[in-house]
C-alpha cells in the first residue's frame, strides 16, 4: 500500500521560506517520478514542481520558477520542496504525488498534468501573510 505523508507546512511572512517534506512508503521510491501540487480555496489544483525518477530533470511553472526547488533523497524515501521568497498568493494546501510508471520519462506536459499521478498525500497547509 503506497502512502505519501507531507509535513513542514505552516504560517510564514511574505519573503520567508519553508521546506516541505513528503515521506513515501509501500514500494520502491526511487523508481517513480514525484510531484508537488497546491490548491487554494475555490481554485483548481495547480502544478508546482516535479522531479523525474532519476532526478535528472525537474519541472516548474513560471509562477514558482526561481523561488521553489524540488529534490529527492532516495535513501530516505523522501521528496522535498524548498520554497523561498514566499508570496501571499502561494497560500494553499500543498500535496505531493507519485506516478505509477517505473523508470518512465516523458515530456514536461506529463509532469504538469495531475492525471499522470496515481498516489496523493493528504496535504499540508501553507499560509503566507502579507
C-alpha atoms as a PDB file:
ATOM      1  CA  UNK A   1       0.000   0.000   0.000  1.00  0.00           C
ATOM      2  CA  UNK A   2       1.557   3.242  -1.153  1.00  0.00           C
ATOM      3  CA  UNK A   3       1.449   6.076   1.328  1.00  0.00           C
ATOM      4  CA  UNK A   4       2.614   9.654   0.975  1.00  0.00           C
ATOM      5  CA  UNK A   5       2.801  11.852   4.048  1.00  0.00           C
ATOM      6  CA  UNK A   6       3.552  15.554   3.776  1.00  0.00           C
ATOM      7  CA  UNK A   7       4.962  17.730   6.533  1.00  0.00           C
ATOM      8  CA  UNK A   8       6.567  21.121   7.001  1.00  0.00           C
ATOM      9  CA  UNK A   9       3.698  23.449   6.269  1.00  0.00           C
ATOM     10  CA  UNK A  10       2.864  26.418   8.443  1.00  0.00           C
ATOM     11  CA  UNK A  11       2.465  30.163   8.677  1.00  0.00           C
ATOM     12  CA  UNK A  12       5.223  32.389   7.307  1.00  0.00           C
ATOM     13  CA  UNK A  13       5.555  36.051   6.434  1.00  0.00           C
ATOM     14  CA  UNK A  14       5.918  37.182   2.856  1.00  0.00           C
ATOM     15  CA  UNK A  15       9.524  36.869   1.757  1.00  0.00           C
ATOM     16  CA  UNK A  16      10.137  33.956   4.089  1.00  0.00           C
ATOM     17  CA  UNK A  17      10.963  30.331   3.396  1.00  0.00           C
ATOM     18  CA  UNK A  18       9.576  26.900   4.159  1.00  0.00           C
ATOM     19  CA  UNK A  19      10.696  23.404   3.297  1.00  0.00           C
ATOM     20  CA  UNK A  20       8.058  20.766   2.738  1.00  0.00           C
ATOM     21  CA  UNK A  21       8.801  17.074   3.002  1.00  0.00           C
ATOM     22  CA  UNK A  22       6.922  14.088   1.652  1.00  0.00           C
ATOM     23  CA  UNK A  23       7.769  10.662   3.030  1.00  0.00           C
ATOM     24  CA  UNK A  24       6.828   7.737   0.826  1.00  0.00           C
ATOM     25  CA  UNK A  25       6.309   4.116   1.762  1.00  0.00           C
ATOM     26  CA  UNK A  26       4.886   0.938   0.318  1.00  0.00           C
ATOM     27  CA  UNK A  27       7.065   0.496  -2.752  1.00  0.00           C
ATOM     28  CA  UNK A  28      10.479   1.262  -4.225  1.00  0.00           C
ATOM     29  CA  UNK A  29      10.547   5.044  -4.073  1.00  0.00           C
ATOM     30  CA  UNK A  30      13.443   5.573  -6.472  1.00  0.00           C
ATOM     31  CA  UNK A  31      11.580   4.075  -9.442  1.00  0.00           C
ATOM     32  CA  UNK A  32       8.920   6.782  -9.730  1.00  0.00           C
ATOM     33  CA  UNK A  33       8.516  10.431 -10.552  1.00  0.00           C
ATOM     34  CA  UNK A  34       7.314  12.710  -7.773  1.00  0.00           C
ATOM     35  CA  UNK A  35       5.368  15.925  -7.965  1.00  0.00           C
ATOM     36  CA  UNK A  36       4.038  18.740  -5.820  1.00  0.00           C
ATOM     37  CA  UNK A  37       0.693  20.417  -6.415  1.00  0.00           C
ATOM     38  CA  UNK A  38      -1.248  23.021  -4.494  1.00  0.00           C
ATOM     39  CA  UNK A  39      -4.860  24.009  -4.140  1.00  0.00           C
ATOM     40  CA  UNK A  40      -6.195  27.266  -2.787  1.00  0.00           C
ATOM     41  CA  UNK A  41      -9.829  27.645  -1.664  1.00  0.00           C
ATOM     42  CA  UNK A  42     -12.144  27.905  -4.653  1.00  0.00           C
ATOM     43  CA  UNK A  43      -9.381  27.170  -7.144  1.00  0.00           C
ATOM     44  CA  UNK A  44      -8.301  24.149  -9.140  1.00  0.00           C
ATOM     45  CA  UNK A  45      -5.331  22.038  -8.162  1.00  0.00           C
ATOM     46  CA  UNK A  46      -2.199  23.643  -9.601  1.00  0.00           C
ATOM     47  CA  UNK A  47       1.110  22.073 -10.570  1.00  0.00           C
ATOM     48  CA  UNK A  48       4.071  23.337  -8.518  1.00  0.00           C
ATOM     49  CA  UNK A  49       7.055  21.099  -9.215  1.00  0.00           C
ATOM     50  CA  UNK A  50       8.096  17.646 -10.362  1.00  0.00           C
ATOM     51  CA  UNK A  51      11.223  15.542 -10.385  1.00  0.00           C
ATOM     52  CA  UNK A  52      11.876  12.513 -12.522  1.00  0.00           C
ATOM     53  CA  UNK A  53      12.683   9.104 -11.067  1.00  0.00           C
ATOM     54  CA  UNK A  54      16.371   9.633 -11.880  1.00  0.00           C
ATOM     55  CA  UNK A  55      16.352  13.200 -10.512  1.00  0.00           C
ATOM     56  CA  UNK A  56      17.854  14.128 -13.858  1.00  0.00           C
ATOM     57  CA  UNK A  57      15.117  16.608 -14.635  1.00  0.00           C
ATOM     58  CA  UNK A  58      12.949  18.973 -12.669  1.00  0.00           C
ATOM     59  CA  UNK A  59       9.967  20.985 -13.833  1.00  0.00           C
ATOM     60  CA  UNK A  60       8.300  24.148 -12.565  1.00  0.00           C
ATOM     61  CA  UNK A  61       5.600  26.515 -13.747  1.00  0.00           C
ATOM     62  CA  UNK A  62       6.591  30.126 -14.294  1.00  0.00           C
ATOM     63  CA  UNK A  63       4.755  31.150 -11.117  1.00  0.00           C
ATOM     64  CA  UNK A  64       7.344  29.458  -8.871  1.00  0.00           C
ATOM     65  CA  UNK A  65      10.408  29.111 -11.110  1.00  0.00           C
ATOM     66  CA  UNK A  66      13.467  30.560  -9.421  1.00  0.00           C
ATOM     67  CA  UNK A  67      11.805  30.516  -5.987  1.00  0.00           C
ATOM     68  CA  UNK A  68      10.955  26.833  -5.423  1.00  0.00           C
ATOM     69  CA  UNK A  69      13.272  23.841  -5.680  1.00  0.00           C
ATOM     70  CA  UNK A  70      12.259  20.196  -5.692  1.00  0.00           C
ATOM     71  CA  UNK A  71      14.712  17.487  -4.690  1.00  0.00           C
ATOM     72  CA  UNK A  72      14.646  13.874  -3.608  1.00  0.00           C
ATOM     73  CA  UNK A  73      16.606  11.660  -1.259  1.00  0.00           C
ATOM     74  CA  UNK A  74      16.097   8.085  -2.345  1.00  0.00           C
ATOM     75  CA  UNK A  75      17.891   6.732   0.715  1.00  0.00           C
ATOM     76  CA  UNK A  76      15.242   8.394   2.889  1.00  0.00           C
ATOM     77  CA  UNK A  77      12.302   7.780   0.522  1.00  0.00           C
ATOM     78  CA  UNK A  78      11.565  11.480   0.725  1.00  0.00           C
ATOM     79  CA  UNK A  79      10.933  14.305  -1.695  1.00  0.00           C
ATOM     80  CA  UNK A  80      11.374  17.920  -0.658  1.00  0.00           C
ATOM     81  CA  UNK A  81      10.065  21.268  -1.798  1.00  0.00           C
ATOM     82  CA  UNK A  82      12.194  24.222  -0.746  1.00  0.00           C
ATOM     83  CA  UNK A  83      10.134  27.391  -1.044  1.00  0.00           C
ATOM     84  CA  UNK A  84      11.867  30.762  -0.882  1.00  0.00           C
ATOM     85  CA  UNK A  85      10.664  34.333  -1.359  1.00  0.00           C
ATOM     86  CA  UNK A  86       7.146  33.238  -0.494  1.00  0.00           C
ATOM     87  CA  UNK A  87       4.229  35.417  -1.529  1.00  0.00           C
ATOM     88  CA  UNK A  88       0.676  35.618  -0.177  1.00  0.00           C
ATOM     89  CA  UNK A  89      -0.527  34.053  -3.438  1.00  0.00           C
ATOM     90  CA  UNK A  90       1.452  30.915  -2.539  1.00  0.00           C
ATOM     91  CA  UNK A  91      -1.059  30.257   0.234  1.00  0.00           C
ATOM     92  CA  UNK A  92      -2.662  26.863  -0.379  1.00  0.00           C
ATOM     93  CA  UNK A  93      -2.769  23.257   0.687  1.00  0.00           C
ATOM     94  CA  UNK A  94       0.266  21.538  -0.804  1.00  0.00           C
ATOM     95  CA  UNK A  95       0.080  17.917  -1.930  1.00  0.00           C
ATOM     96  CA  UNK A  96       2.781  15.532  -3.013  1.00  0.00           C
ATOM     97  CA  UNK A  97       2.030  12.904  -5.620  1.00  0.00           C
ATOM     98  CA  UNK A  98       3.641   9.963  -7.328  1.00  0.00           C
ATOM     99  CA  UNK A  99       3.061   8.335 -10.666  1.00  0.00           C
ATOM    100  CA  UNK A 100       2.764   4.622 -11.308  1.00  0.00           C
ATOM    101  CA  UNK A 101       5.203   4.129 -14.209  1.00  0.00           C
ATOM    102  CA  UNK A 102       8.541   2.772 -13.038  1.00  0.00           C
ATOM    103  CA  UNK A 103      11.597   4.303 -14.719  1.00  0.00           C
ATOM    104  CA  UNK A 104       9.357   6.335 -17.011  1.00  0.00           C
ATOM    105  CA  UNK A 105      10.426   9.627 -18.561  1.00  0.00           C
ATOM    106  CA  UNK A 106       8.354  11.923 -20.691  1.00  0.00           C
ATOM    107  CA  UNK A 107       7.960  15.473 -21.862  1.00  0.00           C
ATOM    108  CA  UNK A 108       7.151  18.236 -19.424  1.00  0.00           C
ATOM    109  CA  UNK A 109       3.426  18.116 -20.138  1.00  0.00           C
ATOM    110  CA  UNK A 110       3.252  14.690 -18.495  1.00  0.00           C
ATOM    111  CA  UNK A 111       4.564  16.024 -15.206  1.00  0.00           C
ATOM    112  CA  UNK A 112       2.346  19.113 -15.260  1.00  0.00           C
ATOM    113  CA  UNK A 113      -0.836  17.008 -15.529  1.00  0.00           C
ATOM    114  CA  UNK A 114      -2.362  15.841 -12.211  1.00  0.00           C
ATOM    115  CA  UNK A 115      -3.889  12.897 -14.081  1.00  0.00           C
ATOM    116  CA  UNK A 116      -0.370  11.497 -14.527  1.00  0.00           C
ATOM    117  CA  UNK A 117      -0.181  10.825 -10.796  1.00  0.00           C
ATOM    118  CA  UNK A 118      -1.814   7.855  -9.112  1.00  0.00           C
ATOM    119  CA  UNK A 119      -0.990   8.415  -5.460  1.00  0.00           C
ATOM    120  CA  UNK A 120      -1.527  11.520  -3.368  1.00  0.00           C
ATOM    121  CA  UNK A 121      -0.763  12.634   0.142  1.00  0.00           C
ATOM    122  CA  UNK A 122      -3.260  14.247   2.472  1.00  0.00           C
ATOM    123  CA  UNK A 123      -1.781  17.725   2.059  1.00  0.00           C
ATOM    124  CA  UNK A 124      -0.130  20.299   4.282  1.00  0.00           C
ATOM    125  CA  UNK A 125      -1.304  23.877   4.721  1.00  0.00           C
ATOM    126  CA  UNK A 126       0.994  26.739   3.774  1.00  0.00           C
ATOM    127  CA  UNK A 127      -0.136  30.232   4.712  1.00  0.00           C
ATOM    128  CA  UNK A 128       1.849  33.299   3.696  1.00  0.00           C
ATOM    129  CA  UNK A 129       0.903  36.533   5.437  1.00  0.00           C
ATOM    130  CA  UNK A 130       1.460  39.932   3.860  1.00  0.00           C
END
